[in-house]
Full PDB file with SEQRES, HELIX, SHEET, SSBOND, CRYST1, ORIGX, SCALE, CONECT and MASTER records, all heavy atoms in Angstrom:
SEQRES   1 A   40  GLY VAL HIS PHE ALA ARG PHE ARG ILE ALA PRO ARG SER          
SEQRES   2 A   40  PRO THR VAL VAL THR PRO VAL ARG GLY ARG PRO PHE ALA          
SEQRES   3 A   40  LEU GLY PHE SER VAL SER ALA ALA ASN PRO VAL LEU ILE          
SEQRES   4 A   40  ILE                                                          
HELIX    1 AA1 VAL A    2  ALA A    5  1                                   4    
HELIX    2 AA2 PRO A   24  ALA A   33  1                                  10    
HELIX    3 AA3 PRO A   36  LEU A   38  5                                   3    
CRYST1    1.000    1.000    1.000  90.00  90.00  90.00 P 1           1          
ORIGX1      1.000000  0.000000  0.000000        0.00000                         
ORIGX2      0.000000  1.000000  0.000000        0.00000                         
ORIGX3      0.000000  0.000000  1.000000        0.00000                         
SCALE1      1.000000  0.000000  0.000000        0.00000                         
SCALE2      0.000000  1.000000  0.000000        0.00000                         
SCALE3      0.000000  0.000000  1.000000        0.00000                         
ATOM      1  N   GLY A   1     124.660  52.977 104.997  1.00  0.00           N  
ATOM      2  CA  GLY A   1     123.872  53.087 106.222  1.00  0.00           C  
ATOM      3  C   GLY A   1     124.625  53.781 107.332  1.00  0.00           C  
ATOM      4  O   GLY A   1     124.088  54.667 108.012  1.00  0.00           O  
ATOM      5  N   VAL A   2     125.887  53.394 107.525  1.00  0.00           N  
ATOM      6  CA  VAL A   2     126.715  54.030 108.560  1.00  0.00           C  
ATOM      7  C   VAL A   2     126.910  55.511 108.242  1.00  0.00           C  
ATOM      8  O   VAL A   2     126.841  56.372 109.131  1.00  0.00           O  
ATOM      9  CB  VAL A   2     128.066  53.310 108.677  1.00  0.00           C  
ATOM     10  CG1 VAL A   2     129.018  54.091 109.580  1.00  0.00           C  
ATOM     11  CG2 VAL A   2     127.871  51.895 109.219  1.00  0.00           C  
ATOM     12  N   HIS A   3     127.156  55.798 106.959  1.00  0.00           N  
ATOM     13  CA  HIS A   3     127.358  57.200 106.560  1.00  0.00           C  
ATOM     14  C   HIS A   3     126.126  58.044 106.868  1.00  0.00           C  
ATOM     15  O   HIS A   3     126.223  59.120 107.458  1.00  0.00           O  
ATOM     16  CB  HIS A   3     127.679  57.269 105.070  1.00  0.00           C  
ATOM     17  CG  HIS A   3     127.730  58.662 104.529  1.00  0.00           C  
ATOM     18  ND1 HIS A   3     128.774  59.534 104.801  1.00  0.00           N  
ATOM     19  CD2 HIS A   3     126.849  59.355 103.750  1.00  0.00           C  
ATOM     20  CE1 HIS A   3     128.532  60.695 104.201  1.00  0.00           C  
ATOM     21  NE2 HIS A   3     127.388  60.611 103.564  1.00  0.00           N  
ATOM     22  N   PHE A   4     124.944  57.550 106.474  1.00  0.00           N  
ATOM     23  CA  PHE A   4     123.716  58.314 106.709  1.00  0.00           C  
ATOM     24  C   PHE A   4     123.342  58.344 108.185  1.00  0.00           C  
ATOM     25  O   PHE A   4     122.804  59.338 108.676  1.00  0.00           O  
ATOM     26  CB  PHE A   4     122.571  57.742 105.888  1.00  0.00           C  
ATOM     27  CG  PHE A   4     122.653  58.068 104.424  1.00  0.00           C  
ATOM     28  CD1 PHE A   4     122.500  57.082 103.462  1.00  0.00           C  
ATOM     29  CD2 PHE A   4     122.888  59.361 104.000  1.00  0.00           C  
ATOM     30  CE1 PHE A   4     122.581  57.376 102.114  1.00  0.00           C  
ATOM     31  CE2 PHE A   4     122.972  59.676 102.662  1.00  0.00           C  
ATOM     32  CZ  PHE A   4     122.823  58.681 101.714  1.00  0.00           C  
ATOM     33  N   ALA A   5     123.604  57.238 108.910  1.00  0.00           N  
ATOM     34  CA  ALA A   5     123.255  57.205 110.333  1.00  0.00           C  
ATOM     35  C   ALA A   5     124.067  58.224 111.127  1.00  0.00           C  
ATOM     36  O   ALA A   5     123.620  58.686 112.185  1.00  0.00           O  
ATOM     37  CB  ALA A   5     123.470  55.803 110.893  1.00  0.00           C  
ATOM     38  N   ARG A   6     125.254  58.570 110.637  1.00  0.00           N  
ATOM     39  CA  ARG A   6     126.111  59.551 111.334  1.00  0.00           C  
ATOM     40  C   ARG A   6     125.975  60.949 110.741  1.00  0.00           C  
ATOM     41  O   ARG A   6     126.705  61.857 111.125  1.00  0.00           O  
ATOM     42  CB  ARG A   6     127.563  59.102 111.244  1.00  0.00           C  
ATOM     43  CG  ARG A   6     127.833  57.746 111.887  1.00  0.00           C  
ATOM     44  CD  ARG A   6     129.281  57.331 111.709  1.00  0.00           C  
ATOM     45  NE  ARG A   6     130.173  58.283 112.327  1.00  0.00           N  
ATOM     46  CZ  ARG A   6     131.499  58.259 112.172  1.00  0.00           C  
ATOM     47  NH1 ARG A   6     132.062  57.336 111.417  1.00  0.00           N  
ATOM     48  NH2 ARG A   6     132.256  59.156 112.772  1.00  0.00           N  
ATOM     49  N   PHE A   7     125.032  61.111 109.814  1.00  0.00           N  
ATOM     50  CA  PHE A   7     124.871  62.386 109.122  1.00  0.00           C  
ATOM     51  C   PHE A   7     124.507  63.492 110.104  1.00  0.00           C  
ATOM     52  O   PHE A   7     123.693  63.316 110.995  1.00  0.00           O  
ATOM     53  CB  PHE A   7     123.784  62.261 108.059  1.00  0.00           C  
ATOM     54  CG  PHE A   7     123.616  63.488 107.206  1.00  0.00           C  
ATOM     55  CD1 PHE A   7     124.511  63.769 106.198  1.00  0.00           C  
ATOM     56  CD2 PHE A   7     122.556  64.349 107.417  1.00  0.00           C  
ATOM     57  CE1 PHE A   7     124.350  64.885 105.403  1.00  0.00           C  
ATOM     58  CE2 PHE A   7     122.386  65.470 106.633  1.00  0.00           C  
ATOM     59  CZ  PHE A   7     123.288  65.740 105.624  1.00  0.00           C  
ATOM     60  N   ARG A   8     125.128  64.637 109.914  1.00  0.00           N  
ATOM     61  CA  ARG A   8     124.859  65.774 110.793  1.00  0.00           C  
ATOM     62  C   ARG A   8     124.921  67.059 109.998  1.00  0.00           C  
ATOM     63  O   ARG A   8     125.831  67.254 109.185  1.00  0.00           O  
ATOM     64  CB  ARG A   8     125.881  65.819 111.931  1.00  0.00           C  
ATOM     65  CG  ARG A   8     125.605  66.924 112.939  1.00  0.00           C  
ATOM     66  CD  ARG A   8     126.559  66.835 114.114  1.00  0.00           C  
ATOM     67  NE  ARG A   8     126.256  67.836 115.114  1.00  0.00           N  
ATOM     68  CZ  ARG A   8     126.921  67.976 116.254  1.00  0.00           C  
ATOM     69  NH1 ARG A   8     127.929  67.150 116.521  1.00  0.00           N  
ATOM     70  NH2 ARG A   8     126.585  68.909 117.115  1.00  0.00           N  
ATOM     71  N   ILE A   9     123.932  67.914 110.205  1.00  0.00           N  
ATOM     72  CA  ILE A   9     123.891  69.204 109.530  1.00  0.00           C  
ATOM     73  C   ILE A   9     124.316  70.278 110.512  1.00  0.00           C  
ATOM     74  O   ILE A   9     123.722  70.427 111.578  1.00  0.00           O  
ATOM     75  CB  ILE A   9     122.477  69.521 109.013  1.00  0.00           C  
ATOM     76  CG1 ILE A   9     122.017  68.412 108.048  1.00  0.00           C  
ATOM     77  CG2 ILE A   9     122.438  70.868 108.316  1.00  0.00           C  
ATOM     78  CD1 ILE A   9     120.606  68.605 107.555  1.00  0.00           C  
ATOM     79  N   ALA A  10     125.336  71.007 110.146  1.00  0.00           N  
ATOM     80  CA  ALA A  10     125.801  72.095 111.004  1.00  0.00           C  
ATOM     81  C   ALA A  10     124.933  73.321 110.769  1.00  0.00           C  
ATOM     82  O   ALA A  10     124.737  73.738 109.628  1.00  0.00           O  
ATOM     83  CB  ALA A  10     127.259  72.428 110.695  1.00  0.00           C  
ATOM     84  N   PRO A  11     124.372  73.907 111.825  1.00  0.00           N  
ATOM     85  CA  PRO A  11     123.544  75.110 111.648  1.00  0.00           C  
ATOM     86  C   PRO A  11     124.330  76.223 110.995  1.00  0.00           C  
ATOM     87  O   PRO A  11     125.480  76.491 111.352  1.00  0.00           O  
ATOM     88  CB  PRO A  11     123.159  75.481 113.085  1.00  0.00           C  
ATOM     89  CG  PRO A  11     123.289  74.210 113.848  1.00  0.00           C  
ATOM     90  CD  PRO A  11     124.452  73.491 113.230  1.00  0.00           C  
ATOM     91  N   ARG A  12     123.749  76.848 110.006  1.00  0.00           N  
ATOM     92  CA  ARG A  12     124.404  77.945 109.318  1.00  0.00           C  
ATOM     93  C   ARG A  12     123.343  78.771 108.606  1.00  0.00           C  
ATOM     94  O   ARG A  12     122.189  78.382 108.521  1.00  0.00           O  
ATOM     95  CB  ARG A  12     125.431  77.430 108.311  1.00  0.00           C  
ATOM     96  CG  ARG A  12     124.828  76.585 107.202  1.00  0.00           C  
ATOM     97  CD  ARG A  12     125.925  75.932 106.394  1.00  0.00           C  
ATOM     98  NE  ARG A  12     125.374  75.148 105.307  1.00  0.00           N  
ATOM     99  CZ  ARG A  12     126.038  74.213 104.675  1.00  0.00           C  
ATOM    100  NH1 ARG A  12     127.269  73.920 105.038  1.00  0.00           N  
ATOM    101  NH2 ARG A  12     125.492  73.552 103.678  1.00  0.00           N  
ATOM    102  N   SER A  13     123.768  79.871 108.061  1.00  0.00           N  
ATOM    103  CA  SER A  13     122.830  80.726 107.345  1.00  0.00           C  
ATOM    104  C   SER A  13     122.414  80.052 106.056  1.00  0.00           C  
ATOM    105  O   SER A  13     123.185  79.292 105.460  1.00  0.00           O  
ATOM    106  CB  SER A  13     123.498  82.071 107.024  1.00  0.00           C  
ATOM    107  OG  SER A  13     124.666  81.858 106.257  1.00  0.00           O  
ATOM    108  N   PRO A  14     121.183  80.299 105.615  1.00  0.00           N  
ATOM    109  CA  PRO A  14     120.687  79.666 104.390  1.00  0.00           C  
ATOM    110  C   PRO A  14     121.596  79.918 103.202  1.00  0.00           C  
ATOM    111  O   PRO A  14     122.109  81.017 103.005  1.00  0.00           O  
ATOM    112  CB  PRO A  14     119.314  80.316 104.175  1.00  0.00           C  
ATOM    113  CG  PRO A  14     118.917  80.814 105.529  1.00  0.00           C  
ATOM    114  CD  PRO A  14     120.200  81.205 106.221  1.00  0.00           C  
ATOM    115  N   THR A  15     121.803  78.881 102.414  1.00  0.00           N  
ATOM    116  CA  THR A  15     122.634  78.997 101.228  1.00  0.00           C  
ATOM    117  C   THR A  15     121.851  79.679 100.123  1.00  0.00           C  
ATOM    118  O   THR A  15     120.704  79.343  99.863  1.00  0.00           O  
ATOM    119  CB  THR A  15     123.072  77.604 100.747  1.00  0.00           C  
ATOM    120  OG1 THR A  15     123.787  76.978 101.812  1.00  0.00           O  
ATOM    121  CG2 THR A  15     123.952  77.703  99.513  1.00  0.00           C  
ATOM    122  N   VAL A  16     122.490  80.630  99.482  1.00  0.00           N  
ATOM    123  CA  VAL A  16     121.855  81.321  98.379  1.00  0.00           C  
ATOM    124  C   VAL A  16     122.073  80.511  97.116  1.00  0.00           C  
ATOM    125  O   VAL A  16     123.203  80.249  96.718  1.00  0.00           O  
ATOM    126  CB  VAL A  16     122.435  82.747  98.199  1.00  0.00           C  
ATOM    127  CG1 VAL A  16     121.798  83.433  97.001  1.00  0.00           C  
ATOM    128  CG2 VAL A  16     122.221  83.561  99.472  1.00  0.00           C  
ATOM    129  N   VAL A  17     120.989  80.096  96.491  1.00  0.00           N  
ATOM    130  CA  VAL A  17     121.067  79.312  95.271  1.00  0.00           C  
ATOM    131  C   VAL A  17     120.975  80.245  94.079  1.00  0.00           C  
ATOM    132  O   VAL A  17     120.022  81.008  93.949  1.00  0.00           O  
ATOM    133  CB  VAL A  17     119.930  78.267  95.210  1.00  0.00           C  
ATOM    134  CG1 VAL A  17     120.013  77.470  93.920  1.00  0.00           C  
ATOM    135  CG2 VAL A  17     120.006  77.363  96.430  1.00  0.00           C  
ATOM    136  N   THR A  18     121.977  80.189  93.216  1.00  0.00           N  
ATOM    137  CA  THR A  18     121.987  81.054  92.053  1.00  0.00           C  
ATOM    138  C   THR A  18     120.987  80.560  91.028  1.00  0.00           C  
ATOM    139  O   THR A  18     121.014  79.385  90.654  1.00  0.00           O  
ATOM    140  CB  THR A  18     123.395  81.054  91.406  1.00  0.00           C  
ATOM    141  OG1 THR A  18     124.345  81.470  92.391  1.00  0.00           O  
ATOM    142  CG2 THR A  18     123.439  82.004  90.212  1.00  0.00           C  
ATOM    143  N   PRO A  19     120.100  81.409  90.583  1.00  0.00           N  
ATOM    144  CA  PRO A  19     119.117  80.975  89.591  1.00  0.00           C  
ATOM    145  C   PRO A  19     119.796  80.458  88.332  1.00  0.00           C  
ATOM    146  O   PRO A  19     120.790  81.024  87.868  1.00  0.00           O  
ATOM    147  CB  PRO A  19     118.321  82.258  89.301  1.00  0.00           C  
ATOM    148  CG  PRO A  19     118.521  83.117  90.514  1.00  0.00           C  
ATOM    149  CD  PRO A  19     119.911  82.819  90.978  1.00  0.00           C  
ATOM    150  N   VAL A  20     119.277  79.393  87.783  1.00  0.00           N  
ATOM    151  CA  VAL A  20     119.817  78.813  86.562  1.00  0.00           C  
ATOM    152  C   VAL A  20     118.814  79.027  85.447  1.00  0.00           C  
ATOM    153  O   VAL A  20     117.635  78.709  85.594  1.00  0.00           O  
ATOM    154  CB  VAL A  20     120.088  77.298  86.751  1.00  0.00           C  
ATOM    155  CG1 VAL A  20     120.696  76.714  85.488  1.00  0.00           C  
ATOM    156  CG2 VAL A  20     121.000  77.076  87.944  1.00  0.00           C  
ATOM    157  N   ARG A  21     119.304  79.521  84.326  1.00  0.00           N  
ATOM    158  CA  ARG A  21     118.406  79.792  83.214  1.00  0.00           C  
ATOM    159  C   ARG A  21     117.969  78.487  82.554  1.00  0.00           C  
ATOM    160  O   ARG A  21     118.681  77.499  82.538  1.00  0.00           O  
ATOM    161  CB  ARG A  21     119.110  80.679  82.188  1.00  0.00           C  
ATOM    162  CG  ARG A  21     119.389  82.094  82.711  1.00  0.00           C  
ATOM    163  CD  ARG A  21     119.986  82.951  81.621  1.00  0.00           C  
ATOM    164  NE  ARG A  21     120.235  84.309  82.079  1.00  0.00           N  
ATOM    165  CZ  ARG A  21     120.747  85.266  81.315  1.00  0.00           C  
ATOM    166  NH1 ARG A  21     121.082  85.015  80.065  1.00  0.00           N  
ATOM    167  NH2 ARG A  21     120.937  86.470  81.812  1.00  0.00           N  
ATOM    168  N   GLY A  22     116.821  78.529  81.925  1.00  0.00           N  
ATOM    169  CA  GLY A  22     116.329  77.350  81.228  1.00  0.00           C  
ATOM    170  C   GLY A  22     115.034  76.854  81.822  1.00  0.00           C  
ATOM    171  O   GLY A  22     114.651  77.207  82.930  1.00  0.00           O  
ATOM    172  N   ARG A  23     114.343  76.048  81.062  1.00  0.00           N  
ATOM    173  CA  ARG A  23     113.078  75.499  81.528  1.00  0.00           C  
ATOM    174  C   ARG A  23     113.326  74.529  82.673  1.00  0.00           C  
ATOM    175  O   ARG A  23     114.311  73.789  82.672  1.00  0.00           O  
ATOM    176  CB  ARG A  23     112.377  74.808  80.374  1.00  0.00           C  
ATOM    177  CG  ARG A  23     111.987  75.760  79.244  1.00  0.00           C  
ATOM    178  CD  ARG A  23     111.307  74.991  78.115  1.00  0.00           C  
ATOM    179  NE  ARG A  23     110.950  75.886  77.017  1.00  0.00           N  
ATOM    180  CZ  ARG A  23     109.833  76.600  76.961  1.00  0.00           C  
ATOM    181  NH1 ARG A  23     108.962  76.532  77.961  1.00  0.00           N  
ATOM    182  NH2 ARG A  23     109.577  77.384  75.945  1.00  0.00           N  
ATOM    183  N   PRO A  24     112.428  74.481  83.659  1.00  0.00           N  
ATOM    184  CA  PRO A  24     112.624  73.594  84.811  1.00  0.00           C  
ATOM    185  C   PRO A  24     112.797  72.125  84.426  1.00  0.00           C  
ATOM    186  O   PRO A  24     113.659  71.433  84.969  1.00  0.00           O  
ATOM    187  CB  PRO A  24     111.355  73.820  85.635  1.00  0.00           C  
ATOM    188  CG  PRO A  24     110.922  75.206  85.285  1.00  0.00           C  
ATOM    189  CD  PRO A  24     111.264  75.365  83.842  1.00  0.00           C  
ATOM    190  N   PHE A  25     111.983  71.624  83.472  1.00  0.00           N  
ATOM    191  CA  PHE A  25     112.095  70.223  83.077  1.00  0.00           C  
ATOM    192  C   PHE A  25     113.473  69.927  82.507  1.00  0.00           C  
ATOM    193  O   PHE A  25     114.121  68.935  82.866  1.00  0.00           O  
ATOM    194  CB  PHE A  25     111.020  69.876  82.044  1.00  0.00           C  
ATOM    195  CG  PHE A  25     111.046  68.435  81.610  1.00  0.00           C  
ATOM    196  CD1 PHE A  25     110.311  67.475  82.288  1.00  0.00           C  
ATOM    197  CD2 PHE A  25     111.821  68.041  80.528  1.00  0.00           C  
ATOM    198  CE1 PHE A  25     110.334  66.136  81.890  1.00  0.00           C  
ATOM    199  CE2 PHE A  25     111.854  66.719  80.117  1.00  0.00           C  
ATOM    200  CZ  PHE A  25     111.116  65.767  80.803  1.00  0.00           C  
ATOM    201  N   ALA A  26     113.939  70.803  81.616  1.00  0.00           N  
ATOM    202  CA  ALA A  26     115.255  70.612  81.009  1.00  0.00           C  
ATOM    203  C   ALA A  26     116.357  70.706  82.061  1.00  0.00           C  
ATOM    204  O   ALA A  26     117.358  69.976  81.997  1.00  0.00           O  
ATOM    205  CB  ALA A  26     115.485  71.646  79.909  1.00  0.00           C  
ATOM    206  N   LEU A  27     116.166  71.591  83.037  1.00  0.00           N  
ATOM    207  CA  LEU A  27     117.154  71.728  84.108  1.00  0.00           C  
ATOM    208  C   LEU A  27     117.252  70.445  84.917  1.00  0.00           C  
ATOM    209  O   LEU A  27     118.343  69.922  85.162  1.00  0.00           O  
ATOM    210  CB  LEU A  27     116.776  72.897  85.009  1.00  0.00           C  
ATOM    211  CG  LEU A  27     117.629  73.108  86.261  1.00  0.00           C  
ATOM    212  CD1 LEU A  27     119.088  73.360  85.870  1.00  0.00           C  
ATOM    213  CD2 LEU A  27     117.088  74.263  87.093  1.00  0.00           C  
ATOM    214  N   GLY A  28     116.108  69.916  85.345  1.00  0.00           N  
ATOM    215  CA  GLY A  28     116.116  68.686  86.123  1.00  0.00           C  
ATOM    216  C   GLY A  28     116.688  67.522  85.338  1.00  0.00           C  
ATOM    217  O   GLY A  28     117.475  66.724  85.865  1.00  0.00           O  
ATOM    218  N   PHE A  29     116.304  67.415  84.059  1.00  0.00           N  
ATOM    219  CA  PHE A  29     116.797  66.316  83.219  1.00  0.00           C  
ATOM    220  C   PHE A  29     118.305  66.406  83.050  1.00  0.00           C  
ATOM    221  O   PHE A  29     119.026  65.408  83.174  1.00  0.00           O  
ATOM    222  CB  PHE A  29     116.114  66.350  81.860  1.00  0.00           C  
ATOM    223  CG  PHE A  29     116.450  65.182  80.974  1.00  0.00           C  
ATOM    224  CD1 PHE A  29     115.661  64.038  80.983  1.00  0.00           C  
ATOM    225  CD2 PHE A  29     117.558  65.212  80.148  1.00  0.00           C  
ATOM    226  CE1 PHE A  29     115.975  62.954  80.180  1.00  0.00           C  
ATOM    227  CE2 PHE A  29     117.890  64.135  79.350  1.00  0.00           C  
ATOM    228  CZ  PHE A  29     117.091  62.999  79.359  1.00  0.00           C  
ATOM    229  N   SER A  30     118.805  67.604  82.770  1.00  0.00           N  
ATOM    230  CA  SER A  30     120.234  67.762  82.503  1.00  0.00           C  
ATOM    231  C   SER A  30     121.079  67.509  83.750  1.00  0.00           C  
ATOM    232  O   SER A  30     122.172  66.939  83.662  1.00  0.00           O  
ATOM    233  CB  SER A  30     120.523  69.169  81.951  1.00  0.00           C  
ATOM    234  OG  SER A  30     120.147  70.163  82.899  1.00  0.00           O  
ATOM    235  N   VAL A  31     120.578  67.922  84.912  1.00  0.00           N  
ATOM    236  CA  VAL A  31     121.333  67.703  86.153  1.00  0.00           C  
ATOM    237  C   VAL A  31     121.483  66.217  86.432  1.00  0.00           C  
ATOM    238  O   VAL A  31     122.572  65.733  86.773  1.00  0.00           O  
ATOM    239  CB  VAL A  31     120.646  68.419  87.336  1.00  0.00           C  
ATOM    240  CG1 VAL A  31     121.264  67.976  88.658  1.00  0.00           C  
ATOM    241  CG2 VAL A  31     120.773  69.928  87.188  1.00  0.00           C  
ATOM    242  N   SER A  32     120.402  65.446  86.278  1.00  0.00           N  
ATOM    243  CA  SER A  32     120.476  64.001  86.506  1.00  0.00           C  
ATOM    244  C   SER A  32     121.257  63.302  85.402  1.00  0.00           C  
ATOM    245  O   SER A  32     122.046  62.393  85.665  1.00  0.00           O  
ATOM    246  CB  SER A  32     119.071  63.399  86.598  1.00  0.00           C  
ATOM    247  OG  SER A  32     118.481  63.703  87.840  1.00  0.00           O  
ATOM    248  N   ALA A  33     121.039  63.719  84.149  1.00  0.00           N  
ATOM    249  CA  ALA A  33     121.736  63.086  83.026  1.00  0.00           C  
ATOM    250  C   ALA A  33     123.235  63.326  83.087  1.00  0.00           C  
ATOM    251  O   ALA A  33     124.024  62.519  82.586  1.00  0.00           O  
ATOM    252  CB  ALA A  33     121.173  63.605  81.706  1.00  0.00           C  
ATOM    253  N   ALA A  34     123.640  64.420  83.716  1.00  0.00           N  
ATOM    254  CA  ALA A  34     125.063  64.733  83.827  1.00  0.00           C  
ATOM    255  C   ALA A  34     125.751  63.930  84.924  1.00  0.00           C  
ATOM    256  O   ALA A  34     126.937  64.134  85.185  1.00  0.00           O  
ATOM    257  CB  ALA A  34     125.251  66.221  84.092  1.00  0.00           C  
ATOM    258  N   ASN A  35     125.017  63.025  85.552  1.00  0.00           N  
ATOM    259  CA  ASN A  35     125.567  62.203  86.631  1.00  0.00           C  
ATOM    260  C   ASN A  35     125.492  60.727  86.232  1.00  0.00           C  
ATOM    261  O   ASN A  35     124.656  59.973  86.743  1.00  0.00           O  
ATOM    262  CB  ASN A  35     124.781  62.450  87.928  1.00  0.00           C  
ATOM    263  CG  ASN A  35     125.380  61.713  89.107  1.00  0.00           C  
ATOM    264  OD1 ASN A  35     126.543  61.303  89.079  1.00  0.00           O  
ATOM    265  ND2 ASN A  35     124.589  61.510  90.146  1.00  0.00           N  
ATOM    266  N   PRO A  36     126.376  60.273  85.316  1.00  0.00           N  
ATOM    267  CA  PRO A  36     126.313  58.888  84.826  1.00  0.00           C  
ATOM    268  C   PRO A  36     126.603  57.844  85.890  1.00  0.00           C  
ATOM    269  O   PRO A  36     126.354  56.656  85.671  1.00  0.00           O  
ATOM    270  CB  PRO A  36     127.392  58.858  83.729  1.00  0.00           C  
ATOM    271  CG  PRO A  36     128.323  59.965  84.076  1.00  0.00           C  
ATOM    272  CD  PRO A  36     127.466  61.029  84.695  1.00  0.00           C  
ATOM    273  N   VAL A  37     127.092  58.272  87.061  1.00  0.00           N  
ATOM    274  CA  VAL A  37     127.313  57.306  88.137  1.00  0.00           C  
ATOM    275  C   VAL A  37     125.998  56.688  88.586  1.00  0.00           C  
ATOM    276  O   VAL A  37     125.991  55.633  89.240  1.00  0.00           O  
ATOM    277  CB  VAL A  37     128.026  57.987  89.324  1.00  0.00           C  
ATOM    278  CG1 VAL A  37     127.065  58.880  90.100  1.00  0.00           C  
ATOM    279  CG2 VAL A  37     128.654  56.953  90.251  1.00  0.00           C  
ATOM    280  N   LEU A  38     124.876  57.301  88.214  1.00  0.00           N  
ATOM    281  CA  LEU A  38     123.571  56.741  88.564  1.00  0.00           C  
ATOM    282  C   LEU A  38     123.380  55.343  87.983  1.00  0.00           C  
ATOM    283  O   LEU A  38     122.724  54.497  88.595  1.00  0.00           O  
ATOM    284  CB  LEU A  38     122.449  57.661  88.070  1.00  0.00           C  
ATOM    285  CG  LEU A  38     122.261  58.974  88.834  1.00  0.00           C  
ATOM    286  CD1 LEU A  38     121.243  59.860  88.133  1.00  0.00           C  
ATOM    287  CD2 LEU A  38     121.834  58.699  90.266  1.00  0.00           C  
ATOM    288  N   ILE A  39     123.952  55.088  86.799  1.00  0.00           N  
ATOM    289  CA  ILE A  39     123.790  53.759  86.217  1.00  0.00           C  
ATOM    290  C   ILE A  39     124.537  52.722  87.047  1.00  0.00           C  
ATOM    291  O   ILE A  39     124.106  51.572  87.172  1.00  0.00           O  
ATOM    292  CB  ILE A  39     124.268  53.738  84.748  1.00  0.00           C  
ATOM    293  CG1 ILE A  39     123.744  52.474  84.067  1.00  0.00           C  
ATOM    294  CG2 ILE A  39     125.769  53.831  84.652  1.00  0.00           C  
ATOM    295  CD1 ILE A  39     123.967  52.462  82.564  1.00  0.00           C  
ATOM    296  N   ILE A  40     125.654  53.143  87.658  1.00  0.00           N  
ATOM    297  CA  ILE A  40     126.390  52.237  88.536  1.00  0.00           C  
ATOM    298  C   ILE A  40     125.603  52.008  89.821  1.00  0.00           C  
ATOM    299  O   ILE A  40     125.505  50.885  90.327  1.00  0.00           O  
ATOM    300  CB  ILE A  40     127.781  52.820  88.849  1.00  0.00           C  
ATOM    301  CG1 ILE A  40     128.578  53.000  87.548  1.00  0.00           C  
ATOM    302  CG2 ILE A  40     128.540  51.926  89.822  1.00  0.00           C  
ATOM    303  CD1 ILE A  40     129.922  53.667  87.751  1.00  0.00           C  
TER     304      ILE A  40                                                      
MASTER        0    0    0    3    0    0    0    6  303    1    0    4          
END                                                                             
């Protein structure tokens, strides 16, 4: 709560996101599945 309550975004130019190959569903699944800390 303290971390999010103090959250601040510094104005900057938009970040360019590099396109990732693969189907969107597989991309979303793999990104979340690659983060096992979610079970904790």
